[in-house]
Amino acid sequence: MTDSSRRVTVAVADDHTLFRQGVQELLATDPDVRIVGEAATGPQAVELVMRHQPDVLLLDVEMPGPGAKAVIAELARTCPATAVVILTMHESSGVVSELLQSGAAAYLVKSIGRDELLATVHSVNRNQRNVLLSVPRTTMRSLERAREQQSLLSARETEVLELVAAALTNAQIAGRLFISEGTVKRHLTNIYGKLQATSRVDAIKKGTAAGLLRGIDEDSGV
């Protein structure tokens, strides 16, 4: 008989009742896993984890209330021992990058199978330092390109791009950074070339997709 004190405790947070129930039934097939509760909103997920202190939280990206990033941040502050595993239909490399940088221990798409989900639950419970991914190849390639782009931009170029995304003009950026407008233009030329962007708006979109402008709407304009 399995020692209940050594079982991995898991909470499930998703706003679709049928999906939550299905995941719980799947997890229940593993005698080394114990489900401690479920949540349908971001605040419920935080409350559930704070109350039960599970080893693992399976968290959907889109639920009523604060987004997954805010939930992860709150749990990192209040329940750092709980590993957050994103389980979602979202395959965007920008979303993957943002949530992993926020502290998620794993990112899984809902097309995975039972064995892979259970293996991830046990793996993140053993070691949260290793980040686990199960996403389409196209997403992986986008993440790789994003990492390459991040390594290409200098710290100053990233700073200029952030100010462009904040809708500052070249003159305003120059004043903010105590540099000349000519220097700002040179940085923008370099940014366009490195991101293969054709305009300020295009640079913002590609910078956001690459994870350089976390929190900036990809449809932002200047």
N, C-alpha and C. Protein backbone atom coordinates (compact mmCIF):
# COMPACT_ATOMS: atom_id res chain seq x y z
N MET A 1 0.85 -1.20 0.00
CA MET A 1 0.00 0.00 0.00
C MET A 1 0.88 1.25 0.00
N THR A 2 0.47 2.25 -0.81
CA THR A 2 1.24 3.49 -0.91
C THR A 2 1.12 4.30 0.36
N ASP A 3 2.26 4.83 0.81
CA ASP A 3 2.27 5.70 1.99
C ASP A 3 1.66 7.03 1.59
N SER A 4 0.49 7.37 2.14
CA SER A 4 -0.20 8.60 1.76
C SER A 4 0.61 9.84 2.07
N SER A 5 1.49 9.76 3.08
CA SER A 5 2.27 10.93 3.45
C SER A 5 3.32 11.27 2.40
N ARG A 6 3.63 10.32 1.49
CA ARG A 6 4.64 10.55 0.47
C ARG A 6 4.02 10.78 -0.90
N ARG A 7 2.73 10.80 -0.98
CA ARG A 7 2.07 11.03 -2.26
C ARG A 7 2.21 12.49 -2.67
N VAL A 8 2.29 12.72 -3.99
CA VAL A 8 2.36 14.09 -4.50
C VAL A 8 0.98 14.70 -4.42
N THR A 9 0.85 15.83 -3.74
CA THR A 9 -0.45 16.49 -3.64
C THR A 9 -0.59 17.50 -4.79
N VAL A 10 -1.76 17.48 -5.42
CA VAL A 10 -1.98 18.29 -6.63
C VAL A 10 -3.31 19.04 -6.54
N ALA A 11 -3.31 20.29 -6.97
CA ALA A 11 -4.53 21.09 -7.11
C ALA A 11 -4.70 21.40 -8.59
N VAL A 12 -5.95 21.50 -9.03
CA VAL A 12 -6.25 21.73 -10.44
C VAL A 12 -7.05 23.02 -10.59
N ALA A 13 -6.56 23.95 -11.41
CA ALA A 13 -7.24 25.23 -11.62
C ALA A 13 -7.54 25.43 -13.11
N ASP A 14 -8.82 25.42 -13.44
CA ASP A 14 -9.26 25.60 -14.82
C ASP A 14 -10.73 26.02 -14.77
N ASP A 15 -11.15 26.91 -15.66
CA ASP A 15 -12.52 27.40 -15.58
C ASP A 15 -13.53 26.50 -16.29
N HIS A 16 -13.07 25.40 -16.88
CA HIS A 16 -13.97 24.45 -17.51
C HIS A 16 -14.17 23.23 -16.60
N THR A 17 -15.38 23.09 -16.08
CA THR A 17 -15.67 22.04 -15.10
C THR A 17 -15.37 20.65 -15.63
N LEU A 18 -15.80 20.37 -16.86
CA LEU A 18 -15.59 19.04 -17.42
C LEU A 18 -14.11 18.72 -17.55
N PHE A 19 -13.32 19.71 -17.94
CA PHE A 19 -11.88 19.49 -18.07
C PHE A 19 -11.25 19.23 -16.71
N ARG A 20 -11.64 20.04 -15.71
CA ARG A 20 -11.10 19.83 -14.35
C ARG A 20 -11.39 18.42 -13.87
N GLN A 21 -12.64 17.98 -14.06
CA GLN A 21 -13.02 16.65 -13.60
C GLN A 21 -12.24 15.57 -14.34
N GLY A 22 -12.05 15.79 -15.64
CA GLY A 22 -11.30 14.80 -16.42
C GLY A 22 -9.85 14.68 -15.97
N VAL A 23 -9.23 15.82 -15.70
CA VAL A 23 -7.84 15.81 -15.24
C VAL A 23 -7.73 15.12 -13.89
N GLN A 24 -8.68 15.41 -13.01
CA GLN A 24 -8.65 14.79 -11.69
C GLN A 24 -8.84 13.27 -11.78
N GLU A 25 -9.71 12.83 -12.65
CA GLU A 25 -9.91 11.38 -12.83
C GLU A 25 -8.63 10.75 -13.37
N LEU A 26 -7.97 11.45 -14.27
CA LEU A 26 -6.71 10.94 -14.83
C LEU A 26 -5.64 10.85 -13.75
N LEU A 27 -5.51 11.89 -12.96
CA LEU A 27 -4.50 11.90 -11.90
C LEU A 27 -4.78 10.82 -10.86
N ALA A 28 -6.06 10.55 -10.62
CA ALA A 28 -6.45 9.57 -9.61
C ALA A 28 -6.03 8.15 -9.97
N THR A 29 -5.65 7.92 -11.24
CA THR A 29 -5.20 6.58 -11.64
C THR A 29 -3.79 6.28 -11.12
N ASP A 30 -3.11 7.32 -10.64
CA ASP A 30 -1.75 7.14 -10.10
C ASP A 30 -1.85 7.07 -8.58
N PRO A 31 -1.51 5.93 -7.99
CA PRO A 31 -1.62 5.78 -6.53
C PRO A 31 -0.67 6.69 -5.75
N ASP A 32 0.31 7.29 -6.45
CA ASP A 32 1.26 8.16 -5.78
C ASP A 32 0.87 9.64 -5.87
N VAL A 33 -0.35 9.89 -6.35
CA VAL A 33 -0.84 11.27 -6.47
C VAL A 33 -2.12 11.42 -5.65
N ARG A 34 -2.23 12.52 -4.92
CA ARG A 34 -3.44 12.81 -4.16
C ARG A 34 -3.94 14.20 -4.53
N ILE A 35 -5.19 14.30 -4.96
CA ILE A 35 -5.79 15.58 -5.36
C ILE A 35 -6.35 16.26 -4.12
N VAL A 36 -6.00 17.53 -3.95
CA VAL A 36 -6.43 18.25 -2.74
C VAL A 36 -7.54 19.26 -3.00
N GLY A 37 -7.84 19.53 -4.27
CA GLY A 37 -8.92 20.47 -4.56
C GLY A 37 -8.86 21.02 -5.96
N GLU A 38 -9.89 21.80 -6.31
CA GLU A 38 -9.97 22.39 -7.64
C GLU A 38 -10.43 23.84 -7.53
N ALA A 39 -10.13 24.62 -8.58
CA ALA A 39 -10.50 26.03 -8.60
C ALA A 39 -10.91 26.41 -10.02
N ALA A 40 -11.82 27.40 -10.11
CA ALA A 40 -12.32 27.83 -11.41
C ALA A 40 -11.90 29.26 -11.76
N THR A 41 -11.26 29.96 -10.82
CA THR A 41 -10.81 31.33 -11.06
C THR A 41 -9.41 31.52 -10.49
N GLY A 42 -8.77 32.63 -10.89
CA GLY A 42 -7.45 32.93 -10.35
C GLY A 42 -7.44 33.10 -8.84
N PRO A 43 -8.34 33.91 -8.28
CA PRO A 43 -8.37 34.07 -6.82
C PRO A 43 -8.64 32.76 -6.10
N GLN A 44 -9.53 31.92 -6.65
CA GLN A 44 -9.79 30.62 -6.04
C GLN A 44 -8.54 29.76 -6.04
N ALA A 45 -7.76 29.84 -7.12
CA ALA A 45 -6.54 29.05 -7.21
C ALA A 45 -5.56 29.46 -6.12
N VAL A 46 -5.40 30.77 -5.93
CA VAL A 46 -4.48 31.26 -4.89
C VAL A 46 -4.97 30.82 -3.52
N GLU A 47 -6.27 30.98 -3.26
CA GLU A 47 -6.83 30.59 -1.97
C GLU A 47 -6.65 29.09 -1.73
N LEU A 48 -6.90 28.30 -2.76
CA LEU A 48 -6.78 26.85 -2.65
C LEU A 48 -5.35 26.43 -2.29
N VAL A 49 -4.40 27.02 -2.97
CA VAL A 49 -2.99 26.67 -2.71
C VAL A 49 -2.57 27.14 -1.32
N MET A 50 -3.00 28.32 -0.92
CA MET A 50 -2.63 28.82 0.40
C MET A 50 -3.23 27.95 1.50
N ARG A 51 -4.42 27.40 1.24
CA ARG A 51 -5.09 26.57 2.25
C ARG A 51 -4.49 25.18 2.34
N HIS A 52 -4.19 24.57 1.20
CA HIS A 52 -3.75 23.16 1.20
C HIS A 52 -2.25 22.98 0.98
N GLN A 53 -1.55 24.02 0.49
CA GLN A 53 -0.10 23.93 0.27
C GLN A 53 0.26 22.68 -0.57
N PRO A 54 -0.35 22.50 -1.73
CA PRO A 54 -0.05 21.31 -2.53
C PRO A 54 1.38 21.36 -3.10
N ASP A 55 1.87 20.20 -3.48
CA ASP A 55 3.19 20.14 -4.11
C ASP A 55 3.15 20.76 -5.49
N VAL A 56 2.02 20.55 -6.20
CA VAL A 56 1.90 20.98 -7.59
C VAL A 56 0.53 21.62 -7.83
N LEU A 57 0.53 22.71 -8.59
CA LEU A 57 -0.71 23.33 -9.06
C LEU A 57 -0.73 23.25 -10.57
N LEU A 58 -1.78 22.63 -11.14
CA LEU A 58 -1.99 22.65 -12.58
C LEU A 58 -2.85 23.87 -12.88
N LEU A 59 -2.33 24.79 -13.68
CA LEU A 59 -2.97 26.10 -13.85
C LEU A 59 -3.21 26.41 -15.33
N ASP A 60 -4.47 26.76 -15.64
CA ASP A 60 -4.80 27.21 -16.99
C ASP A 60 -4.36 28.66 -17.16
N VAL A 61 -4.18 29.08 -18.41
CA VAL A 61 -3.73 30.45 -18.67
C VAL A 61 -4.87 31.45 -18.53
N GLU A 62 -6.03 31.12 -19.09
CA GLU A 62 -7.15 32.06 -19.10
C GLU A 62 -8.25 31.61 -18.16
N MET A 63 -8.41 32.34 -17.05
CA MET A 63 -9.51 32.09 -16.12
C MET A 63 -10.00 33.45 -15.62
N PRO A 64 -11.21 33.51 -15.09
CA PRO A 64 -11.70 34.77 -14.52
C PRO A 64 -10.77 35.26 -13.41
N GLY A 65 -10.61 36.58 -13.33
CA GLY A 65 -9.75 37.14 -12.30
C GLY A 65 -8.37 37.45 -12.85
N PRO A 66 -7.40 37.66 -11.99
CA PRO A 66 -6.04 37.96 -12.44
C PRO A 66 -5.51 36.86 -13.35
N GLY A 67 -4.67 37.23 -14.29
CA GLY A 67 -4.11 36.24 -15.21
C GLY A 67 -3.13 35.29 -14.54
N ALA A 68 -2.69 34.32 -15.33
CA ALA A 68 -1.78 33.30 -14.81
C ALA A 68 -0.49 33.93 -14.27
N LYS A 69 -0.01 34.97 -14.93
CA LYS A 69 1.22 35.62 -14.47
C LYS A 69 1.06 36.17 -13.05
N ALA A 70 -0.09 36.80 -12.79
CA ALA A 70 -0.35 37.36 -11.46
C ALA A 70 -0.50 36.26 -10.42
N VAL A 71 -1.14 35.16 -10.80
CA VAL A 71 -1.30 34.03 -9.88
C VAL A 71 0.06 33.45 -9.52
N ILE A 72 0.91 33.25 -10.53
CA ILE A 72 2.24 32.71 -10.28
C ILE A 72 3.03 33.62 -9.35
N ALA A 73 2.94 34.93 -9.61
CA ALA A 73 3.68 35.89 -8.78
C ALA A 73 3.21 35.84 -7.32
N GLU A 74 1.89 35.77 -7.12
CA GLU A 74 1.36 35.72 -5.77
C GLU A 74 1.77 34.44 -5.06
N LEU A 75 1.74 33.32 -5.77
CA LEU A 75 2.11 32.05 -5.15
C LEU A 75 3.61 31.97 -4.89
N ALA A 76 4.40 32.60 -5.73
CA ALA A 76 5.85 32.64 -5.49
C ALA A 76 6.14 33.37 -4.18
N ARG A 77 5.29 34.35 -3.86
CA ARG A 77 5.47 35.13 -2.64
C ARG A 77 4.93 34.40 -1.41
N THR A 78 3.76 33.74 -1.57
CA THR A 78 3.09 33.15 -0.41
C THR A 78 3.31 31.65 -0.25
N CYS A 79 3.48 30.94 -1.36
CA CYS A 79 3.62 29.47 -1.32
C CYS A 79 4.73 29.02 -2.26
N PRO A 80 5.97 29.42 -2.02
CA PRO A 80 7.06 29.12 -2.95
C PRO A 80 7.35 27.63 -3.13
N ALA A 81 6.90 26.80 -2.21
CA ALA A 81 7.17 25.36 -2.32
C ALA A 81 6.26 24.68 -3.35
N THR A 82 5.19 25.35 -3.76
CA THR A 82 4.27 24.76 -4.74
C THR A 82 4.79 25.02 -6.15
N ALA A 83 4.96 23.95 -6.91
CA ALA A 83 5.40 24.07 -8.30
C ALA A 83 4.18 24.31 -9.19
N VAL A 84 4.24 25.36 -10.00
CA VAL A 84 3.13 25.68 -10.89
C VAL A 84 3.39 25.10 -12.27
N VAL A 85 2.46 24.28 -12.73
CA VAL A 85 2.54 23.68 -14.06
C VAL A 85 1.43 24.28 -14.91
N ILE A 86 1.81 24.99 -15.95
CA ILE A 86 0.82 25.55 -16.87
C ILE A 86 0.29 24.45 -17.76
N LEU A 87 -1.05 24.33 -17.83
CA LEU A 87 -1.70 23.33 -18.67
C LEU A 87 -2.76 24.07 -19.48
N THR A 88 -2.50 24.28 -20.77
CA THR A 88 -3.31 25.20 -21.55
C THR A 88 -3.36 24.82 -23.02
N MET A 89 -4.24 25.50 -23.75
CA MET A 89 -4.30 25.35 -25.20
C MET A 89 -3.41 26.38 -25.90
N HIS A 90 -2.93 27.38 -25.16
CA HIS A 90 -2.12 28.44 -25.76
C HIS A 90 -0.73 27.93 -26.14
N GLU A 91 -0.34 28.17 -27.40
CA GLU A 91 0.94 27.70 -27.90
C GLU A 91 1.87 28.86 -28.27
N SER A 92 1.44 30.10 -28.02
CA SER A 92 2.24 31.27 -28.39
C SER A 92 3.57 31.28 -27.64
N SER A 93 4.64 31.47 -28.39
CA SER A 93 5.97 31.50 -27.76
C SER A 93 6.08 32.66 -26.79
N GLY A 94 5.37 33.78 -27.09
CA GLY A 94 5.40 34.92 -26.18
C GLY A 94 4.80 34.59 -24.83
N VAL A 95 3.66 33.87 -24.85
CA VAL A 95 3.02 33.46 -23.60
C VAL A 95 3.89 32.47 -22.85
N VAL A 96 4.46 31.50 -23.57
CA VAL A 96 5.33 30.50 -22.95
C VAL A 96 6.51 31.20 -22.26
N SER A 97 7.17 32.09 -22.98
CA SER A 97 8.33 32.77 -22.44
C SER A 97 7.97 33.60 -21.22
N GLU A 98 6.87 34.34 -21.29
CA GLU A 98 6.47 35.21 -20.19
C GLU A 98 6.18 34.41 -18.92
N LEU A 99 5.45 33.29 -19.04
CA LEU A 99 5.06 32.53 -17.86
C LEU A 99 6.23 31.75 -17.28
N LEU A 100 7.13 31.26 -18.13
CA LEU A 100 8.31 30.58 -17.60
C LEU A 100 9.20 31.58 -16.87
N GLN A 101 9.33 32.78 -17.43
CA GLN A 101 10.13 33.81 -16.76
C GLN A 101 9.48 34.24 -15.45
N SER A 102 8.15 34.12 -15.38
CA SER A 102 7.44 34.49 -14.16
C SER A 102 7.63 33.46 -13.04
N GLY A 103 8.05 32.25 -13.41
CA GLY A 103 8.32 31.25 -12.39
C GLY A 103 7.61 29.93 -12.55
N ALA A 104 6.88 29.72 -13.65
CA ALA A 104 6.24 28.42 -13.86
C ALA A 104 7.30 27.34 -13.98
N ALA A 105 7.03 26.18 -13.39
CA ALA A 105 8.00 25.07 -13.41
C ALA A 105 7.89 24.25 -14.69
N ALA A 106 6.74 24.34 -15.37
CA ALA A 106 6.54 23.57 -16.60
C ALA A 106 5.44 24.22 -17.41
N TYR A 107 5.47 23.97 -18.71
CA TYR A 107 4.45 24.51 -19.62
C TYR A 107 4.02 23.37 -20.53
N LEU A 108 2.75 22.97 -20.41
CA LEU A 108 2.22 21.85 -21.18
C LEU A 108 1.00 22.30 -21.98
N VAL A 109 0.88 21.80 -23.20
CA VAL A 109 -0.35 22.03 -23.96
C VAL A 109 -1.30 20.88 -23.69
N LYS A 110 -2.61 21.15 -23.81
CA LYS A 110 -3.61 20.17 -23.41
C LYS A 110 -3.72 18.97 -24.34
N SER A 111 -2.93 18.95 -25.39
CA SER A 111 -2.94 17.80 -26.29
C SER A 111 -2.02 16.68 -25.81
N ILE A 112 -1.34 16.88 -24.68
CA ILE A 112 -0.45 15.84 -24.17
C ILE A 112 -1.26 14.65 -23.65
N GLY A 113 -0.58 13.54 -23.44
CA GLY A 113 -1.23 12.34 -22.93
C GLY A 113 -1.08 12.17 -21.43
N ARG A 114 -1.73 11.14 -20.91
CA ARG A 114 -1.74 10.87 -19.48
C ARG A 114 -0.33 10.66 -18.93
N ASP A 115 0.46 9.84 -19.60
CA ASP A 115 1.79 9.51 -19.09
C ASP A 115 2.68 10.74 -19.00
N GLU A 116 2.59 11.62 -19.99
CA GLU A 116 3.42 12.81 -19.98
C GLU A 116 3.00 13.76 -18.86
N LEU A 117 1.71 13.89 -18.63
CA LEU A 117 1.23 14.75 -17.55
C LEU A 117 1.70 14.23 -16.20
N LEU A 118 1.53 12.94 -15.96
CA LEU A 118 1.94 12.37 -14.68
C LEU A 118 3.45 12.46 -14.50
N ALA A 119 4.19 12.23 -15.57
CA ALA A 119 5.65 12.31 -15.48
C ALA A 119 6.07 13.73 -15.11
N THR A 120 5.38 14.72 -15.65
CA THR A 120 5.70 16.11 -15.34
C THR A 120 5.38 16.43 -13.89
N VAL A 121 4.24 15.99 -13.41
CA VAL A 121 3.85 16.22 -12.02
C VAL A 121 4.91 15.69 -11.07
N HIS A 122 5.36 14.47 -11.32
CA HIS A 122 6.37 13.86 -10.44
C HIS A 122 7.72 14.56 -10.59
N SER A 123 8.05 14.95 -11.82
CA SER A 123 9.35 15.58 -12.07
C SER A 123 9.46 16.94 -11.39
N VAL A 124 8.46 17.79 -11.54
CA VAL A 124 8.55 19.13 -10.92
C VAL A 124 8.46 19.04 -9.41
N ASN A 125 7.81 18.00 -8.91
CA ASN A 125 7.77 17.80 -7.46
C ASN A 125 9.15 17.46 -6.92
N ARG A 126 9.91 16.72 -7.70
CA ARG A 126 11.26 16.35 -7.27
C ARG A 126 12.25 17.50 -7.40
N ASN A 127 12.09 18.29 -8.46
CA ASN A 127 13.09 19.33 -8.72
C ASN A 127 12.47 20.48 -9.51
N GLN A 128 12.20 21.59 -8.82
CA GLN A 128 11.60 22.75 -9.49
C GLN A 128 12.62 23.56 -10.28
N ARG A 129 13.90 23.24 -10.12
CA ARG A 129 14.91 24.03 -10.82
C ARG A 129 14.94 23.71 -12.31
N ASN A 130 14.47 22.51 -12.69
CA ASN A 130 14.43 22.15 -14.09
C ASN A 130 13.10 22.58 -14.69
N VAL A 131 13.14 23.33 -15.78
CA VAL A 131 11.92 23.77 -16.46
C VAL A 131 11.56 22.76 -17.53
N LEU A 132 10.30 22.32 -17.53
CA LEU A 132 9.84 21.31 -18.47
C LEU A 132 8.90 21.94 -19.49
N LEU A 133 9.07 21.54 -20.76
CA LEU A 133 8.24 22.06 -21.84
C LEU A 133 7.65 20.92 -22.66
N SER A 134 6.38 21.07 -23.02
CA SER A 134 5.77 20.16 -23.96
C SER A 134 4.88 21.01 -24.86
N VAL A 135 5.51 21.54 -25.92
CA VAL A 135 4.83 22.44 -26.85
C VAL A 135 5.17 22.01 -28.28
N PRO A 136 4.40 22.49 -29.26
CA PRO A 136 4.68 22.12 -30.66
C PRO A 136 6.06 22.58 -31.10
N ARG A 137 6.58 21.92 -32.14
CA ARG A 137 7.90 22.27 -32.65
C ARG A 137 7.97 23.72 -33.12
N THR A 138 6.86 24.21 -33.69
CA THR A 138 6.85 25.60 -34.16
C THR A 138 7.05 26.57 -33.00
N THR A 139 6.46 26.25 -31.85
CA THR A 139 6.63 27.10 -30.67
C THR A 139 8.07 27.04 -30.17
N MET A 140 8.65 25.84 -30.18
CA MET A 140 10.04 25.69 -29.76
C MET A 140 10.97 26.50 -30.66
N ARG A 141 10.70 26.45 -31.98
CA ARG A 141 11.54 27.22 -32.90
C ARG A 141 11.40 28.72 -32.65
N SER A 142 10.17 29.16 -32.33
CA SER A 142 9.94 30.58 -32.02
C SER A 142 10.69 30.98 -30.75
N LEU A 143 10.68 30.09 -29.75
CA LEU A 143 11.41 30.38 -28.51
C LEU A 143 12.91 30.47 -28.77
N GLU A 144 13.41 29.58 -29.63
CA GLU A 144 14.83 29.61 -29.97
C GLU A 144 15.19 30.90 -30.69
N ARG A 145 14.32 31.32 -31.62
CA ARG A 145 14.57 32.58 -32.32
C ARG A 145 14.52 33.75 -31.35
N ALA A 146 13.59 33.69 -30.40
CA ALA A 146 13.47 34.76 -29.41
C ALA A 146 14.73 34.86 -28.57
N ARG A 147 15.27 33.71 -28.17
CA ARG A 147 16.51 33.73 -27.37
C ARG A 147 17.65 34.33 -28.19
N GLU A 148 17.69 34.01 -29.48
CA GLU A 148 18.73 34.57 -30.35
C GLU A 148 18.59 36.08 -30.45
N GLN A 149 17.33 36.55 -30.59
CA GLN A 149 17.09 37.98 -30.70
C GLN A 149 17.45 38.69 -29.40
N GLN A 150 17.10 38.06 -28.25
CA GLN A 150 17.42 38.67 -26.97
C GLN A 150 18.92 38.83 -26.79
N SER A 151 19.69 37.84 -27.29
CA SER A 151 21.14 37.91 -27.14
C SER A 151 21.74 38.94 -28.10
N LEU A 152 20.98 39.29 -29.17
CA LEU A 152 21.50 40.25 -30.14
C LEU A 152 21.38 41.69 -29.66
N LEU A 153 20.27 42.03 -29.00
CA LEU A 153 20.07 43.40 -28.57
C LEU A 153 20.91 43.71 -27.34
N SER A 154 21.54 44.88 -27.38
CA SER A 154 22.29 45.32 -26.21
C SER A 154 21.33 45.85 -25.17
N ALA A 155 21.85 46.08 -23.98
CA ALA A 155 21.00 46.60 -22.91
C ALA A 155 20.43 47.96 -23.29
N ARG A 156 21.23 48.81 -23.92
CA ARG A 156 20.77 50.13 -24.33
C ARG A 156 19.71 50.03 -25.42
N GLU A 157 19.92 49.11 -26.37
CA GLU A 157 18.94 48.94 -27.45
C GLU A 157 17.60 48.45 -26.89
N THR A 158 17.67 47.56 -25.92
CA THR A 158 16.44 47.09 -25.27
C THR A 158 15.74 48.23 -24.56
N GLU A 159 16.52 49.09 -23.91
CA GLU A 159 15.96 50.24 -23.21
C GLU A 159 15.28 51.20 -24.19
N VAL A 160 15.91 51.43 -25.34
CA VAL A 160 15.32 52.30 -26.36
C VAL A 160 14.03 51.70 -26.88
N LEU A 161 14.03 50.39 -27.13
CA LEU A 161 12.84 49.73 -27.64
C LEU A 161 11.69 49.81 -26.64
N GLU A 162 11.99 49.69 -25.37
CA GLU A 162 10.97 49.80 -24.33
C GLU A 162 10.33 51.20 -24.34
N LEU A 163 11.16 52.21 -24.56
CA LEU A 163 10.64 53.58 -24.60
C LEU A 163 9.85 53.84 -25.87
N VAL A 164 10.25 53.22 -26.96
CA VAL A 164 9.47 53.30 -28.20
C VAL A 164 8.09 52.68 -27.97
N ALA A 165 8.07 51.53 -27.29
CA ALA A 165 6.80 50.86 -27.00
C ALA A 165 5.93 51.68 -26.07
N ALA A 166 6.56 52.55 -25.27
CA ALA A 166 5.82 53.43 -24.37
C ALA A 166 5.34 54.69 -25.08
N ALA A 167 5.53 54.73 -26.42
CA ALA A 167 5.04 55.82 -27.28
C ALA A 167 5.83 57.12 -27.13
N LEU A 168 7.07 57.04 -26.72
CA LEU A 168 7.91 58.24 -26.65
C LEU A 168 8.49 58.54 -28.03
N THR A 169 8.64 59.82 -28.35
CA THR A 169 9.27 60.22 -29.59
C THR A 169 10.78 60.11 -29.45
N ASN A 170 11.49 60.23 -30.59
CA ASN A 170 12.94 60.17 -30.53
C ASN A 170 13.50 61.25 -29.61
N ALA A 171 12.90 62.45 -29.69
CA ALA A 171 13.38 63.55 -28.84
C ALA A 171 13.14 63.24 -27.36
N GLN A 172 12.00 62.67 -27.05
CA GLN A 172 11.70 62.32 -25.67
C GLN A 172 12.61 61.21 -25.17
N ILE A 173 12.90 60.23 -26.03
CA ILE A 173 13.81 59.14 -25.64
C ILE A 173 15.20 59.71 -25.38
N ALA A 174 15.64 60.63 -26.25
CA ALA A 174 16.95 61.25 -26.07
C ALA A 174 17.03 61.97 -24.74
N GLY A 175 15.98 62.71 -24.41
CA GLY A 175 15.97 63.41 -23.14
C GLY A 175 15.94 62.47 -21.95
N ARG A 176 15.18 61.39 -22.08
CA ARG A 176 15.07 60.44 -20.99
C ARG A 176 16.41 59.74 -20.72
N LEU A 177 17.15 59.43 -21.79
CA LEU A 177 18.39 58.67 -21.64
C LEU A 177 19.64 59.55 -21.66
N PHE A 178 19.44 60.89 -21.81
CA PHE A 178 20.56 61.83 -21.84
C PHE A 178 21.53 61.52 -22.98
N ILE A 179 20.95 61.27 -24.15
CA ILE A 179 21.74 61.04 -25.36
C ILE A 179 21.16 61.91 -26.47
N SER A 180 21.84 61.98 -27.60
CA SER A 180 21.36 62.82 -28.70
C SER A 180 20.30 62.07 -29.52
N GLU A 181 19.51 62.84 -30.29
CA GLU A 181 18.53 62.21 -31.16
C GLU A 181 19.21 61.35 -32.21
N GLY A 182 20.38 61.79 -32.65
CA GLY A 182 21.12 61.02 -33.64
C GLY A 182 21.50 59.64 -33.10
N THR A 183 21.86 59.60 -31.81
CA THR A 183 22.20 58.32 -31.18
C THR A 183 20.96 57.43 -31.07
N VAL A 184 19.82 58.05 -30.76
CA VAL A 184 18.57 57.29 -30.70
C VAL A 184 18.28 56.67 -32.07
N LYS A 185 18.45 57.46 -33.13
CA LYS A 185 18.19 56.95 -34.49
C LYS A 185 19.13 55.81 -34.84
N ARG A 186 20.38 55.92 -34.42
CA ARG A 186 21.33 54.83 -34.69
C ARG A 186 20.92 53.56 -33.96
N HIS A 187 20.48 53.72 -32.70
CA HIS A 187 20.00 52.54 -31.95
C HIS A 187 18.79 51.92 -32.64
N LEU A 188 17.88 52.75 -33.12
CA LEU A 188 16.69 52.23 -33.80
C LEU A 188 17.07 51.51 -35.08
N THR A 189 18.03 52.04 -35.81
CA THR A 189 18.48 51.36 -37.04
C THR A 189 19.04 49.98 -36.70
N ASN A 190 19.82 49.91 -35.63
CA ASN A 190 20.37 48.62 -35.21
C ASN A 190 19.26 47.66 -34.77
N ILE A 191 18.28 48.20 -34.03
CA ILE A 191 17.16 47.37 -33.56
C ILE A 191 16.38 46.81 -34.74
N TYR A 192 16.08 47.66 -35.71
CA TYR A 192 15.34 47.21 -36.89
C TYR A 192 16.08 46.08 -37.60
N GLY A 193 17.40 46.26 -37.73
CA GLY A 193 18.18 45.25 -38.42
C GLY A 193 18.23 43.93 -37.67
N LYS A 194 18.43 44.01 -36.38
CA LYS A 194 18.54 42.78 -35.58
C LYS A 194 17.21 42.04 -35.46
N LEU A 195 16.09 42.78 -35.39
CA LEU A 195 14.78 42.14 -35.28
C LEU A 195 14.12 41.92 -36.64
N GLN A 196 14.82 42.38 -37.69
CA GLN A 196 14.27 42.32 -39.05
C GLN A 196 12.91 43.02 -39.09
N ALA A 197 12.87 44.18 -38.47
CA ALA A 197 11.65 44.98 -38.40
C ALA A 197 11.70 46.09 -39.45
N THR A 198 10.52 46.51 -39.89
CA THR A 198 10.43 47.53 -40.94
C THR A 198 9.93 48.87 -40.42
N SER A 199 9.49 48.93 -39.18
CA SER A 199 8.94 50.16 -38.62
C SER A 199 8.95 50.08 -37.10
N ARG A 200 8.56 51.17 -36.46
CA ARG A 200 8.48 51.19 -35.00
C ARG A 200 7.43 50.18 -34.52
N VAL A 201 6.28 50.19 -35.18
CA VAL A 201 5.21 49.26 -34.80
C VAL A 201 5.67 47.82 -34.98
N ASP A 202 6.35 47.54 -36.09
CA ASP A 202 6.84 46.17 -36.35
C ASP A 202 7.88 45.77 -35.31
N ALA A 203 8.73 46.71 -34.92
CA ALA A 203 9.75 46.41 -33.91
C ALA A 203 9.10 46.10 -32.57
N ILE A 204 8.02 46.84 -32.24
CA ILE A 204 7.31 46.58 -30.99
C ILE A 204 6.71 45.18 -31.01
N LYS A 205 6.06 44.83 -32.12
CA LYS A 205 5.44 43.50 -32.23
C LYS A 205 6.48 42.39 -32.13
N LYS A 206 7.59 42.55 -32.84
CA LYS A 206 8.61 41.50 -32.82
C LYS A 206 9.35 41.48 -31.48
N GLY A 207 9.52 42.62 -30.87
CA GLY A 207 10.14 42.65 -29.55
C GLY A 207 9.26 42.00 -28.50
N THR A 208 7.95 42.20 -28.62
CA THR A 208 7.01 41.56 -27.69
C THR A 208 7.01 40.06 -27.88
N ALA A 209 6.96 39.62 -29.14
CA ALA A 209 6.96 38.18 -29.44
C ALA A 209 8.24 37.51 -28.94
N ALA A 210 9.33 38.27 -28.92
CA ALA A 210 10.61 37.74 -28.47
C ALA A 210 10.78 37.80 -26.96
N GLY A 211 9.76 38.36 -26.26
CA GLY A 211 9.85 38.43 -24.81
C GLY A 211 10.68 39.59 -24.32
N LEU A 212 11.00 40.54 -25.22
CA LEU A 212 11.80 41.70 -24.82
C LEU A 212 10.95 42.78 -24.17
N LEU A 213 9.66 42.77 -24.46
CA LEU A 213 8.76 43.81 -23.97
C LEU A 213 7.63 43.18 -23.19
N ARG A 214 7.93 42.53 -22.09
CA ARG A 214 6.91 41.84 -21.31
C ARG A 214 5.87 42.83 -20.81
N GLY A 215 4.60 42.47 -21.02
CA GLY A 215 3.51 43.30 -20.56
C GLY A 215 3.04 44.31 -21.56
N ILE A 216 3.74 44.44 -22.72
CA ILE A 216 3.32 45.37 -23.76
C ILE A 216 2.41 44.67 -24.73
N ASP A 217 1.28 45.28 -25.06
CA ASP A 217 0.33 44.72 -26.01
C ASP A 217 0.94 44.68 -27.39
N GLU A 218 0.87 43.51 -28.07
CA GLU A 218 1.47 43.37 -29.37
C GLU A 218 0.84 44.31 -30.39
N ASP A 219 -0.37 44.77 -30.14
CA ASP A 219 -1.04 45.66 -31.08
C ASP A 219 -0.81 47.13 -30.77
N SER A 220 0.11 47.40 -29.82
CA SER A 220 0.37 48.79 -29.45
C SER A 220 0.91 49.56 -30.65
N GLY A 221 0.62 50.83 -30.70
CA GLY A 221 1.15 51.66 -31.77
C GLY A 221 1.85 52.86 -31.17
N VAL A 222 2.51 53.63 -32.04
CA VAL A 222 3.19 54.83 -31.57
C VAL A 222 2.83 55.97 -32.49
